[in-house]
C-alpha atoms as a PDB file:
ATOM      1  CA  UNK A   1       0.000   0.000   0.000  1.00  0.00           C
ATOM      2  CA  UNK A   2       2.823   2.379   0.861  1.00  0.00           C
ATOM      3  CA  UNK A   3       4.571   1.576  -2.402  1.00  0.00           C
ATOM      4  CA  UNK A   4       1.406   2.410  -4.332  1.00  0.00           C
ATOM      5  CA  UNK A   5       1.024   5.692  -2.429  1.00  0.00           C
ATOM      6  CA  UNK A   6       4.612   6.776  -3.200  1.00  0.00           C
ATOM      7  CA  UNK A   7       4.157   5.883  -6.872  1.00  0.00           C
ATOM      8  CA  UNK A   8       1.124   8.182  -7.049  1.00  0.00           C
ATOM      9  CA  UNK A   9       3.090  11.060  -5.518  1.00  0.00           C
ATOM     10  CA  UNK A  10       5.984  10.539  -7.960  1.00  0.00           C
ATOM     11  CA  UNK A  11       3.607  10.465 -10.942  1.00  0.00           C
ATOM     12  CA  UNK A  12       1.946  13.685  -9.758  1.00  0.00           C
ATOM     13  CA  UNK A  13       5.236  15.619  -9.575  1.00  0.00           C
ATOM     14  CA  UNK A  14       6.460  14.224 -12.909  1.00  0.00           C
ATOM     15  CA  UNK A  15       3.222  15.274 -14.666  1.00  0.00           C
ATOM     16  CA  UNK A  16       3.412  18.718 -13.026  1.00  0.00           C
ATOM     17  CA  UNK A  17       6.967  19.172 -14.307  1.00  0.00           C
ATOM     18  CA  UNK A  18       6.034  18.089 -17.846  1.00  0.00           C
ATOM     19  CA  UNK A  19       2.998  20.428 -18.044  1.00  0.00           C
ATOM     20  CA  UNK A  20       5.043  23.424 -16.825  1.00  0.00           C
ATOM     21  CA  UNK A  21       7.831  22.739 -19.318  1.00  0.00           C
ATOM     22  CA  UNK A  22       5.398  22.298 -22.205  1.00  0.00           C
ATOM     23  CA  UNK A  23       3.654  25.576 -21.343  1.00  0.00           C
ATOM     24  CA  UNK A  24       6.976  27.449 -21.239  1.00  0.00           C
ATOM     25  CA  UNK A  25       8.012  26.016 -24.613  1.00  0.00           C
ATOM     26  CA  UNK A  26       4.616  26.822 -26.152  1.00  0.00           C
ATOM     27  CA  UNK A  27       4.735  30.436 -24.951  1.00  0.00           C
ATOM     28  CA  UNK A  28       8.271  30.830 -26.240  1.00  0.00           C
ATOM     29  CA  UNK A  29       7.271  29.569 -29.685  1.00  0.00           C
ATOM     30  CA  UNK A  30       4.213  31.768 -29.817  1.00  0.00           C
ATOM     31  CA  UNK A  31       6.351  34.810 -29.060  1.00  0.00           C
ATOM     32  CA  UNK A  32       8.717  33.942 -31.892  1.00  0.00           C
ATOM     33  CA  UNK A  33       5.931  33.234 -34.362  1.00  0.00           C
ATOM     34  CA  UNK A  34       4.077  36.488 -33.690  1.00  0.00           C
ATOM     35  CA  UNK A  35       6.590  39.340 -33.600  1.00  0.00           C
ATOM     36  CA  UNK A  36       3.913  41.893 -34.525  1.00  0.00           C
ATOM     37  CA  UNK A  37       1.716  40.768 -31.641  1.00  0.00           C
ATOM     38  CA  UNK A  38       4.657  40.881 -29.250  1.00  0.00           C
ATOM     39  CA  UNK A  39       5.559  44.369 -30.439  1.00  0.00           C
ATOM     40  CA  UNK A  40       1.947  45.549 -30.067  1.00  0.00           C
ATOM     41  CA  UNK A  41       1.724  44.048 -26.561  1.00  0.00           C
ATOM     42  CA  UNK A  42       4.926  45.726 -25.411  1.00  0.00           C
ATOM     43  CA  UNK A  43       3.731  49.018 -26.883  1.00  0.00           C
ATOM     44  CA  UNK A  44       0.400  48.705 -25.089  1.00  0.00           C
ATOM     45  CA  UNK A  45       2.110  47.856 -21.811  1.00  0.00           C
ATOM     46  CA  UNK A  46       4.434  50.844 -22.163  1.00  0.00           C
ATOM     47  CA  UNK A  47       1.479  53.214 -22.590  1.00  0.00           C
ATOM     48  CA  UNK A  48      -0.452  51.627 -19.738  1.00  0.00           C
ATOM     49  CA  UNK A  49       2.564  51.714 -17.418  1.00  0.00           C
ATOM     50  CA  UNK A  50       3.116  55.378 -18.256  1.00  0.00           C
ATOM     51  CA  UNK A  51      -0.519  56.091 -17.416  1.00  0.00           C
ATOM     52  CA  UNK A  52      -0.433  54.140 -14.134  1.00  0.00           C
ATOM     53  CA  UNK A  53       3.024  55.128 -12.879  1.00  0.00           C
ATOM     54  CA  UNK A  54       2.034  58.714 -12.115  1.00  0.00           C
ATOM     55  CA  UNK A  55      -1.059  59.227  -9.940  1.00  0.00           C
ATOM     56  CA  UNK A  56      -1.498  62.676 -11.504  1.00  0.00           C
ATOM     57  CA  UNK A  57      -1.306  61.460 -15.123  1.00  0.00           C
ATOM     58  CA  UNK A  58      -4.220  62.459 -17.340  1.00  0.00           C
ATOM     59  CA  UNK A  59      -5.039  59.990 -20.172  1.00  0.00           C
ATOM     60  CA  UNK A  60      -6.871  62.713 -22.095  1.00  0.00           C
ATOM     61  CA  UNK A  61      -3.922  65.107 -21.920  1.00  0.00           C
ATOM     62  CA  UNK A  62      -1.592  62.323 -23.078  1.00  0.00           C
ATOM     63  CA  UNK A  63      -3.964  61.431 -25.928  1.00  0.00           C
ATOM     64  CA  UNK A  64      -4.273  65.086 -26.940  1.00  0.00           C
ATOM     65  CA  UNK A  65      -0.475  65.379 -27.179  1.00  0.00           C
ATOM     66  CA  UNK A  66      -0.303  62.153 -29.218  1.00  0.00           C
ATOM     67  CA  UNK A  67      -3.044  63.443 -31.540  1.00  0.00           C
ATOM     68  CA  UNK A  68      -1.038  66.602 -32.250  1.00  0.00           C
ATOM     69  CA  UNK A  69       1.890  64.340 -33.173  1.00  0.00           C
ATOM     70  CA  UNK A  70      -0.464  62.421 -35.517  1.00  0.00           C
ATOM     71  CA  UNK A  71       0.023  59.190 -33.558  1.00  0.00           C
ATOM     72  CA  UNK A  72      -3.576  58.165 -34.111  1.00  0.00           C
ATOM     73  CA  UNK A  73      -3.126  54.474 -33.254  1.00  0.00           C
ATOM     74  CA  UNK A  74      -1.723  55.428 -29.854  1.00  0.00           C
ATOM     75  CA  UNK A  75      -4.640  57.795 -29.216  1.00  0.00           C
ATOM     76  CA  UNK A  76      -7.116  55.040 -30.078  1.00  0.00           C
ATOM     77  CA  UNK A  77      -5.291  52.585 -27.825  1.00  0.00           C
ATOM     78  CA  UNK A  78      -5.202  55.024 -24.922  1.00  0.00           C
ATOM     79  CA  UNK A  79      -8.817  56.247 -25.118  1.00  0.00           C
ATOM     80  CA  UNK A  80     -10.744  53.146 -26.249  1.00  0.00           C
ATOM     81  CA  UNK A  81     -11.153  51.883 -22.669  1.00  0.00           C
ATOM     82  CA  UNK A  82     -12.129  55.222 -21.052  1.00  0.00           C
ATOM     83  CA  UNK A  83     -14.537  56.002 -23.906  1.00  0.00           C
ATOM     84  CA  UNK A  84     -16.236  52.629 -23.495  1.00  0.00           C
ATOM     85  CA  UNK A  85     -16.455  53.156 -19.720  1.00  0.00           C
ATOM     86  CA  UNK A  86     -17.857  56.696 -20.137  1.00  0.00           C
ATOM     87  CA  UNK A  87     -19.982  56.751 -23.315  1.00  0.00           C
ATOM     88  CA  UNK A  88     -21.447  60.175 -22.426  1.00  0.00           C
ATOM     89  CA  UNK A  89     -18.063  61.833 -21.836  1.00  0.00           C
ATOM     90  CA  UNK A  90     -17.973  64.163 -24.854  1.00  0.00           C
ATOM     91  CA  UNK A  91     -14.349  65.213 -24.487  1.00  0.00           C
ATOM     92  CA  UNK A  92     -12.917  61.683 -24.508  1.00  0.00           C
ATOM     93  CA  UNK A  93     -15.304  60.271 -27.122  1.00  0.00           C
ATOM     94  CA  UNK A  94     -14.815  63.196 -29.517  1.00  0.00           C
ATOM     95  CA  UNK A  95     -11.015  62.934 -29.423  1.00  0.00           C
ATOM     96  CA  UNK A  96     -11.174  59.159 -29.919  1.00  0.00           C
ATOM     97  CA  UNK A  97     -13.532  59.520 -32.896  1.00  0.00           C
ATOM     98  CA  UNK A  98     -11.345  62.235 -34.441  1.00  0.00           C
ATOM     99  CA  UNK A  99      -8.312  59.941 -34.186  1.00  0.00           C
ATOM    100  CA  UNK A 100     -10.317  57.153 -35.853  1.00  0.00           C
ATOM    101  CA  UNK A 101     -11.394  59.512 -38.657  1.00  0.00           C
ATOM    102  CA  UNK A 102      -7.818  60.660 -39.287  1.00  0.00           C
ATOM    103  CA  UNK A 103      -6.593  57.069 -39.305  1.00  0.00           C
ATOM    104  CA  UNK A 104      -9.228  56.211 -41.936  1.00  0.00           C
ATOM    105  CA  UNK A 105      -8.238  59.239 -44.020  1.00  0.00           C
ATOM    106  CA  UNK A 106      -4.611  58.078 -43.910  1.00  0.00           C
ATOM    107  CA  UNK A 107      -5.555  54.521 -44.895  1.00  0.00           C
ATOM    108  CA  UNK A 108      -7.659  55.761 -47.810  1.00  0.00           C
ATOM    109  CA  UNK A 109      -4.835  57.998 -49.042  1.00  0.00           C
ATOM    110  CA  UNK A 110      -2.553  54.943 -49.044  1.00  0.00           C
ATOM    111  CA  UNK A 111      -5.089  52.907 -51.022  1.00  0.00           C
ATOM    112  CA  UNK A 112      -5.895  50.628 -48.081  1.00  0.00           C
ATOM    113  CA  UNK A 113      -9.591  49.661 -48.368  1.00  0.00           C
ATOM    114  CA  UNK A 114      -9.799  48.641 -44.694  1.00  0.00           C
ATOM    115  CA  UNK A 115     -10.958  52.215 -44.024  1.00  0.00           C
ATOM    116  CA  UNK A 116     -14.377  51.241 -45.430  1.00  0.00           C
ATOM    117  CA  UNK A 117     -15.045  49.091 -42.366  1.00  0.00           C
ATOM    118  CA  UNK A 118     -13.205  51.206 -39.791  1.00  0.00           C
ATOM    119  CA  UNK A 119     -14.992  54.435 -40.766  1.00  0.00           C
ATOM    120  CA  UNK A 120     -18.240  53.092 -39.310  1.00  0.00           C
ATOM    121  CA  UNK A 121     -16.941  53.525 -35.761  1.00  0.00           C
ATOM    122  CA  UNK A 122     -16.419  57.312 -35.719  1.00  0.00           C
ATOM    123  CA  UNK A 123     -19.556  57.838 -37.802  1.00  0.00           C
ATOM    124  CA  UNK A 124     -21.684  55.882 -35.335  1.00  0.00           C
ATOM    125  CA  UNK A 125     -19.998  57.641 -32.399  1.00  0.00           C
ATOM    126  CA  UNK A 126     -20.801  61.010 -33.952  1.00  0.00           C
ATOM    127  CA  UNK A 127     -24.425  60.023 -34.516  1.00  0.00           C
ATOM    128  CA  UNK A 128     -24.705  58.830 -30.918  1.00  0.00           C
ATOM    129  CA  UNK A 129     -23.077  61.938 -29.437  1.00  0.00           C
ATOM    130  CA  UNK A 130     -25.247  64.216 -31.567  1.00  0.00           C
ATOM    131  CA  UNK A 131     -28.252  62.987 -29.590  1.00  0.00           C
ATOM    132  CA  UNK A 132     -26.582  64.328 -26.447  1.00  0.00           C
ATOM    133  CA  UNK A 133     -25.520  67.728 -27.751  1.00  0.00           C
ATOM    134  CA  UNK A 134     -25.235  69.803 -30.936  1.00  0.00           C
ATOM    135  CA  UNK A 135     -21.488  70.408 -31.064  1.00  0.00           C
ATOM    136  CA  UNK A 136     -19.314  71.559 -34.009  1.00  0.00           C
ATOM    137  CA  UNK A 137     -16.720  68.824 -33.374  1.00  0.00           C
ATOM    138  CA  UNK A 138     -19.452  66.172 -33.487  1.00  0.00           C
ATOM    139  CA  UNK A 139     -20.746  67.512 -36.818  1.00  0.00           C
ATOM    140  CA  UNK A 140     -17.127  67.537 -38.028  1.00  0.00           C
ATOM    141  CA  UNK A 141     -16.679  63.839 -37.148  1.00  0.00           C
ATOM    142  CA  UNK A 142     -19.878  62.853 -38.960  1.00  0.00           C
ATOM    143  CA  UNK A 143     -19.180  65.075 -41.973  1.00  0.00           C
ATOM    144  CA  UNK A 144     -15.604  63.898 -42.460  1.00  0.00           C
ATOM    145  CA  UNK A 145     -16.707  60.271 -42.037  1.00  0.00           C
ATOM    146  CA  UNK A 146     -19.264  60.829 -44.798  1.00  0.00           C
ATOM    147  CA  UNK A 147     -16.667  62.564 -46.973  1.00  0.00           C
ATOM    148  CA  UNK A 148     -14.202  59.685 -46.595  1.00  0.00           C
ATOM    149  CA  UNK A 149     -17.015  57.277 -47.439  1.00  0.00           C
ATOM    150  CA  UNK A 150     -17.815  59.250 -50.623  1.00  0.00           C
ATOM    151  CA  UNK A 151     -21.165  60.584 -49.373  1.00  0.00           C
ATOM    152  CA  UNK A 152     -20.249  64.072 -50.566  1.00  0.00           C
ATOM    153  CA  UNK A 153     -23.578  65.949 -50.522  1.00  0.00           C
ATOM    154  CA  UNK A 154     -24.458  64.665 -47.043  1.00  0.00           C
ATOM    155  CA  UNK A 155     -20.979  65.614 -45.866  1.00  0.00           C
ATOM    156  CA  UNK A 156     -21.435  69.135 -47.225  1.00  0.00           C
ATOM    157  CA  UNK A 157     -24.822  69.602 -45.550  1.00  0.00           C
ATOM    158  CA  UNK A 158     -23.480  68.291 -42.236  1.00  0.00           C
ATOM    159  CA  UNK A 159     -20.317  70.402 -42.176  1.00  0.00           C
ATOM    160  CA  UNK A 160     -22.393  73.521 -42.836  1.00  0.00           C
ATOM    161  CA  UNK A 161     -24.186  72.803 -39.547  1.00  0.00           C
ATOM    162  CA  UNK A 162     -20.810  72.739 -37.806  1.00  0.00           C
ATOM    163  CA  UNK A 163     -19.820  76.054 -39.397  1.00  0.00           C
ATOM    164  CA  UNK A 164     -23.055  77.688 -38.250  1.00  0.00           C
ATOM    165  CA  UNK A 165     -21.972  76.897 -34.690  1.00  0.00           C
ATOM    166  CA  UNK A 166     -18.276  77.627 -35.259  1.00  0.00           C
ATOM    167  CA  UNK A 167     -17.755  79.745 -38.417  1.00  0.00           C
ATOM    168  CA  UNK A 168     -13.993  80.126 -37.879  1.00  0.00           C
ATOM    169  CA  UNK A 169     -13.195  76.450 -37.445  1.00  0.00           C
ATOM    170  CA  UNK A 170     -10.366  75.805 -39.921  1.00  0.00           C
ATOM    171  CA  UNK A 171     -10.775  72.012 -39.864  1.00  0.00           C
ATOM    172  CA  UNK A 172     -14.465  72.312 -40.724  1.00  0.00           C
ATOM    173  CA  UNK A 173     -13.644  74.733 -43.535  1.00  0.00           C
ATOM    174  CA  UNK A 174     -11.233  72.189 -45.022  1.00  0.00           C
ATOM    175  CA  UNK A 175     -13.992  69.554 -45.079  1.00  0.00           C
ATOM    176  CA  UNK A 176     -16.297  72.017 -46.856  1.00  0.00           C
ATOM    177  CA  UNK A 177     -13.550  72.912 -49.325  1.00  0.00           C
ATOM    178  CA  UNK A 178     -12.790  69.241 -50.006  1.00  0.00           C
ATOM    179  CA  UNK A 179     -16.493  68.508 -50.563  1.00  0.00           C
ATOM    180  CA  UNK A 180     -16.781  71.355 -53.093  1.00  0.00           C
ATOM    181  CA  UNK A 181     -13.558  70.249 -54.774  1.00  0.00           C
ATOM    182  CA  UNK A 182     -14.819  66.670 -55.252  1.00  0.00           C
ATOM    183  CA  UNK A 183     -18.209  67.880 -56.509  1.00  0.00           C
ATOM    184  CA  UNK A 184     -16.471  70.158 -58.987  1.00  0.00           C
ATOM    185  CA  UNK A 185     -14.347  67.316 -60.344  1.00  0.00           C
ATOM    186  CA  UNK A 186     -17.480  65.230 -60.933  1.00  0.00           C
ATOM    187  CA  UNK A 187     -19.471  68.116 -62.430  1.00  0.00           C
ATOM    188  CA  UNK A 188     -20.003  67.904 -66.209  1.00  0.00           C
ATOM    189  CA  UNK A 189     -21.162  71.468 -66.627  1.00  0.00           C
ATOM    190  CA  UNK A 190     -18.006  73.595 -66.929  1.00  0.00           C
ATOM    191  CA  UNK A 191     -19.643  76.749 -65.496  1.00  0.00           C
ATOM    192  CA  UNK A 192     -20.896  74.914 -62.401  1.00  0.00           C
ATOM    193  CA  UNK A 193     -17.563  73.118 -62.005  1.00  0.00           C
ATOM    194  CA  UNK A 194     -15.706  76.442 -62.143  1.00  0.00           C
ATOM    195  CA  UNK A 195     -18.073  77.922 -59.556  1.00  0.00           C
ATOM    196  CA  UNK A 196     -17.521  74.997 -57.171  1.00  0.00           C
ATOM    197  CA  UNK A 197     -13.753  75.147 -57.643  1.00  0.00           C
ATOM    198  CA  UNK A 198     -13.780  78.883 -56.900  1.00  0.00           C
ATOM    199  CA  UNK A 199     -15.900  78.307 -53.801  1.00  0.00           C
ATOM    200  CA  UNK A 200     -13.476  75.636 -52.588  1.00  0.00           C
ATOM    201  CA  UNK A 201     -10.518  77.954 -53.183  1.00  0.00           C
ATOM    202  CA  UNK A 202     -12.141  80.743 -51.162  1.00  0.00           C
ATOM    203  CA  UNK A 203     -12.838  78.360 -48.278  1.00  0.00           C
ATOM    204  CA  UNK A 204      -9.236  77.089 -48.293  1.00  0.00           C
ATOM    205  CA  UNK A 205      -7.872  80.641 -48.247  1.00  0.00           C
ATOM    206  CA  UNK A 206     -10.072  81.497 -45.274  1.00  0.00           C
ATOM    207  CA  UNK A 207      -8.829  78.403 -43.437  1.00  0.00           C
ATOM    208  CA  UNK A 208      -5.188  79.460 -43.974  1.00  0.00           C
ATOM    209  CA  UNK A 209      -5.977  82.942 -42.658  1.00  0.00           C
ATOM    210  CA  UNK A 210      -7.560  81.476 -39.520  1.00  0.00           C
ATOM    211  CA  UNK A 211      -4.702  79.017 -38.896  1.00  0.00           C
ATOM    212  CA  UNK A 212      -1.906  81.587 -39.106  1.00  0.00           C
ATOM    213  CA  UNK A 213       1.455  80.346 -37.910  1.00  0.00           C
ATOM    214  CA  UNK A 214       0.768  76.699 -38.734  1.00  0.00           C
ATOM    215  CA  UNK A 215       3.239  76.233 -41.573  1.00  0.00           C
ATOM    216  CA  UNK A 216       2.482  72.550 -42.158  1.00  0.00           C
ATOM    217  CA  UNK A 217      -1.234  73.299 -42.427  1.00  0.00           C
ATOM    218  CA  UNK A 218      -0.536  76.225 -44.781  1.00  0.00           C
ATOM    219  CA  UNK A 219       1.696  74.119 -47.046  1.00  0.00           C
ATOM    220  CA  UNK A 220      -0.866  71.317 -47.334  1.00  0.00           C
ATOM    221  CA  UNK A 221      -3.752  73.677 -48.100  1.00  0.00           C
ATOM    222  CA  UNK A 222      -1.733  75.716 -50.595  1.00  0.00           C
ATOM    223  CA  UNK A 223      -1.191  72.496 -52.578  1.00  0.00           C
ATOM    224  CA  UNK A 224      -4.969  72.116 -52.792  1.00  0.00           C
ATOM    225  CA  UNK A 225      -5.315  75.751 -53.933  1.00  0.00           C
ATOM    226  CA  UNK A 226      -2.637  75.362 -56.604  1.00  0.00           C
ATOM    227  CA  UNK A 227      -4.373  72.242 -57.941  1.00  0.00           C
ATOM    228  CA  UNK A 228      -7.695  74.097 -58.089  1.00  0.00           C
ATOM    229  CA  UNK A 229      -6.165  77.071 -59.912  1.00  0.00           C
ATOM    230  CA  UNK A 230      -4.818  74.742 -62.592  1.00  0.00           C
ATOM    231  CA  UNK A 231      -8.243  73.143 -63.045  1.00  0.00           C
ATOM    232  CA  UNK A 232     -10.001  76.513 -63.280  1.00  0.00           C
ATOM    233  CA  UNK A 233      -7.499  77.530 -65.944  1.00  0.00           C
ATOM    234  CA  UNK A 234      -8.177  74.327 -67.889  1.00  0.00           C
ATOM    235  CA  UNK A 235     -11.928  74.966 -67.776  1.00  0.00           C
ATOM    236  CA  UNK A 236     -11.430  78.533 -69.072  1.00  0.00           C
ATOM    237  CA  UNK A 237      -9.459  77.401 -72.113  1.00  0.00           C
END
């Protein structure tokens, strides 16, 4: 009986050792096979540690700084949890949705069609937040989502609502200018196309005037203006 008892104990410890070793080997292999996942995990942990390490740290302030640096993935990562926990917090949800919109705009510019699925998130957030409050940033999120998704007329109508609340919002003016620019390119009537191009140019120039001192913004918008001037010239010939 004693011999049987000792055999059971030995088998237990041997099986425990084998399971632990197998788990360690499995985890090691998984880490090697998924370098992207490992990189993403370490990046997430770094952001979370930074947020937790200081009791006075403000996730929104961190996200706002990251947004200005155009690190949209980091903003999304940092604010997704707080936004889910506080669905009526306008400040957090607006910044998260704006980061999602800008990420989709970047993907579309690169020819990555994944934006077509991702753009639903900020659009739905904007629609939900609009029920809470009429806010120019919320109209901006919805309008730019529509613009990215090629719903140009709806985007134009929506961004005009934003500009009624905030007429000197340069970002909203750019959305209006882009909408007019796209409509002009699709317009078959040369007179109407020229009118829309001219309207877009005027809106872009106003946006530059409002955003004085922002050289990067000025350079990007001036490229749009130069392109429009060339198209107006072509229509006049």
